[in-house]
Amino acid sequence: RLKRIEGQVRGIQSMVDEDRYCVDILVQISAIQSALKNVGFAVTERHIKHCVTDAIQNGEGDETIDELMSVLKQFSK
């Protein structure tokens, strides 16, 4: 997914260099933002299923949940 996003960013660079229509560039930026958000959700899900679960089982759940909530607040800005 990240390689695809990287390609999209390069595509936007080319669009800017070629002085393409601004709205087309904005549409591509929106697509990249959506793709990054989806990557963030996938990483969050993996973190919860593995890291948070392990921390809870090891008695460190409160710290890990607090950390996750802090990151989620930042992520949702």
C-alpha atoms as a PDB file:
ATOM      1  CA  ARG A   1       0.000   0.000   0.000  1.00  0.00           C
ATOM      2  CA  LEU A   2       2.757   2.423   0.885  1.00  0.00           C
ATOM      3  CA  LYS A   3       4.549   1.804  -2.412  1.00  0.00           C
ATOM      4  CA  ARG A   4       1.313   2.612  -4.233  1.00  0.00           C
ATOM      5  CA  ILE A   5       0.967   5.826  -2.226  1.00  0.00           C
ATOM      6  CA  GLU A   6       4.570   6.684  -3.015  1.00  0.00           C
ATOM      7  CA  GLY A   7       3.768   6.295  -6.702  1.00  0.00           C
ATOM      8  CA  GLN A   8       0.736   8.524  -6.337  1.00  0.00           C
ATOM      9  CA  VAL A   9       2.855  11.228  -4.708  1.00  0.00           C
ATOM     10  CA  ARG A  10       5.337  11.033  -7.548  1.00  0.00           C
ATOM     11  CA  GLY A  11       2.424  11.329  -9.941  1.00  0.00           C
ATOM     12  CA  ILE A  12       1.348  14.534  -8.238  1.00  0.00           C
ATOM     13  CA  GLN A  13       4.889  15.860  -8.551  1.00  0.00           C
ATOM     14  CA  SER A  14       4.697  15.243 -12.277  1.00  0.00           C
ATOM     15  CA  MET A  15       1.280  16.864 -12.481  1.00  0.00           C
ATOM     16  CA  VAL A  16       2.613  19.992 -10.769  1.00  0.00           C
ATOM     17  CA  ASP A  17       5.704  20.037 -12.974  1.00  0.00           C
ATOM     18  CA  GLU A  18       3.474  19.739 -16.048  1.00  0.00           C
ATOM     19  CA  ASP A  19       1.246  22.557 -14.747  1.00  0.00           C
ATOM     20  CA  ARG A  20      -1.832  20.325 -14.822  1.00  0.00           C
ATOM     21  CA  TYR A  21      -5.304  21.499 -13.856  1.00  0.00           C
ATOM     22  CA  CYS A  22      -5.390  22.321 -10.119  1.00  0.00           C
ATOM     23  CA  VAL A  23      -8.635  20.459  -9.474  1.00  0.00           C
ATOM     24  CA  ASP A  24      -7.117  17.255 -10.889  1.00  0.00           C
ATOM     25  CA  ILE A  25      -4.180  17.658  -8.519  1.00  0.00           C
ATOM     26  CA  LEU A  26      -6.516  18.238  -5.572  1.00  0.00           C
ATOM     27  CA  VAL A  27      -8.460  15.079  -6.436  1.00  0.00           C
ATOM     28  CA  GLN A  28      -5.212  13.107  -6.383  1.00  0.00           C
ATOM     29  CA  ILE A  29      -4.209  14.645  -3.042  1.00  0.00           C
ATOM     30  CA  SER A  30      -7.574  13.593  -1.629  1.00  0.00           C
ATOM     31  CA  ALA A  31      -7.017  10.044  -2.875  1.00  0.00           C
ATOM     32  CA  ILE A  32      -3.605   9.936  -1.185  1.00  0.00           C
ATOM     33  CA  GLN A  33      -5.040  11.223   2.085  1.00  0.00           C
ATOM     34  CA  SER A  34      -7.682   8.502   1.983  1.00  0.00           C
ATOM     35  CA  ALA A  35      -5.091   5.836   1.213  1.00  0.00           C
ATOM     36  CA  LEU A  36      -2.873   7.006   4.093  1.00  0.00           C
ATOM     37  CA  LYS A  37      -5.850   6.956   6.427  1.00  0.00           C
ATOM     38  CA  ASN A  38      -6.569   3.363   5.419  1.00  0.00           C
ATOM     39  CA  VAL A  39      -2.949   2.394   6.071  1.00  0.00           C
ATOM     40  CA  GLY A  40      -3.263   4.019   9.488  1.00  0.00           C
ATOM     41  CA  PHE A  41      -6.388   1.986  10.236  1.00  0.00           C
ATOM     42  CA  ALA A  42      -4.637  -1.231   9.194  1.00  0.00           C
ATOM     43  CA  VAL A  43      -1.627  -0.473  11.407  1.00  0.00           C
ATOM     44  CA  THR A  44      -3.937   0.432  14.287  1.00  0.00           C
ATOM     45  CA  GLU A  45      -5.845  -2.830  13.914  1.00  0.00           C
ATOM     46  CA  ARG A  46      -2.629  -4.843  13.895  1.00  0.00           C
ATOM     47  CA  HIS A  47      -1.373  -2.938  16.935  1.00  0.00           C
ATOM     48  CA  ILE A  48      -4.569  -3.641  18.871  1.00  0.00           C
ATOM     49  CA  LYS A  49      -4.676  -7.318  17.917  1.00  0.00           C
ATOM     50  CA  HIS A  50      -1.048  -7.951  18.807  1.00  0.00           C
ATOM     51  CA  CYS A  51       0.652  -5.311  20.943  1.00  0.00           C
ATOM     52  CA  VAL A  52      -2.309  -4.187  23.032  1.00  0.00           C
ATOM     53  CA  THR A  53      -3.537  -7.743  23.552  1.00  0.00           C
ATOM     54  CA  ASP A  54      -0.070  -8.851  24.684  1.00  0.00           C
ATOM     55  CA  ALA A  55       0.233  -5.852  27.013  1.00  0.00           C
ATOM     56  CA  ILE A  56      -3.136  -6.609  28.616  1.00  0.00           C
ATOM     57  CA  GLN A  57      -2.152 -10.240  29.139  1.00  0.00           C
ATOM     58  CA  ASN A  58       1.101  -9.075  30.756  1.00  0.00           C
ATOM     59  CA  GLY A  59      -0.652  -6.660  33.098  1.00  0.00           C
ATOM     60  CA  GLU A  60       0.447  -3.531  31.220  1.00  0.00           C
ATOM     61  CA  GLY A  61      -2.883  -2.790  29.577  1.00  0.00           C
ATOM     62  CA  ASP A  62      -3.588   0.588  31.162  1.00  0.00           C
ATOM     63  CA  GLU A  63      -0.333   2.147  29.919  1.00  0.00           C
ATOM     64  CA  THR A  64      -0.730   0.695  26.460  1.00  0.00           C
ATOM     65  CA  ILE A  65      -4.342   1.785  26.132  1.00  0.00           C
ATOM     66  CA  ASP A  66      -3.450   5.304  27.283  1.00  0.00           C
ATOM     67  CA  GLU A  67      -0.674   5.419  24.699  1.00  0.00           C
ATOM     68  CA  LEU A  68      -3.015   4.170  21.974  1.00  0.00           C
ATOM     69  CA  MET A  69      -5.684   6.712  22.873  1.00  0.00           C
ATOM     70  CA  SER A  70      -3.121   9.515  22.701  1.00  0.00           C
ATOM     71  CA  VAL A  71      -2.052   8.416  19.229  1.00  0.00           C
ATOM     72  CA  LEU A  72      -5.644   8.012  18.068  1.00  0.00           C
ATOM     73  CA  LYS A  73      -6.431  11.555  19.166  1.00  0.00           C
ATOM     74  CA  GLN A  74      -3.486  12.812  17.129  1.00  0.00           C
ATOM     75  CA  PHE A  75      -4.460  10.581  14.186  1.00  0.00           C
ATOM     76  CA  SER A  76      -7.988  11.959  14.084  1.00  0.00           C
ATOM     77  CA  LYS A  77      -6.911  15.609  13.764  1.00  0.00           C
END
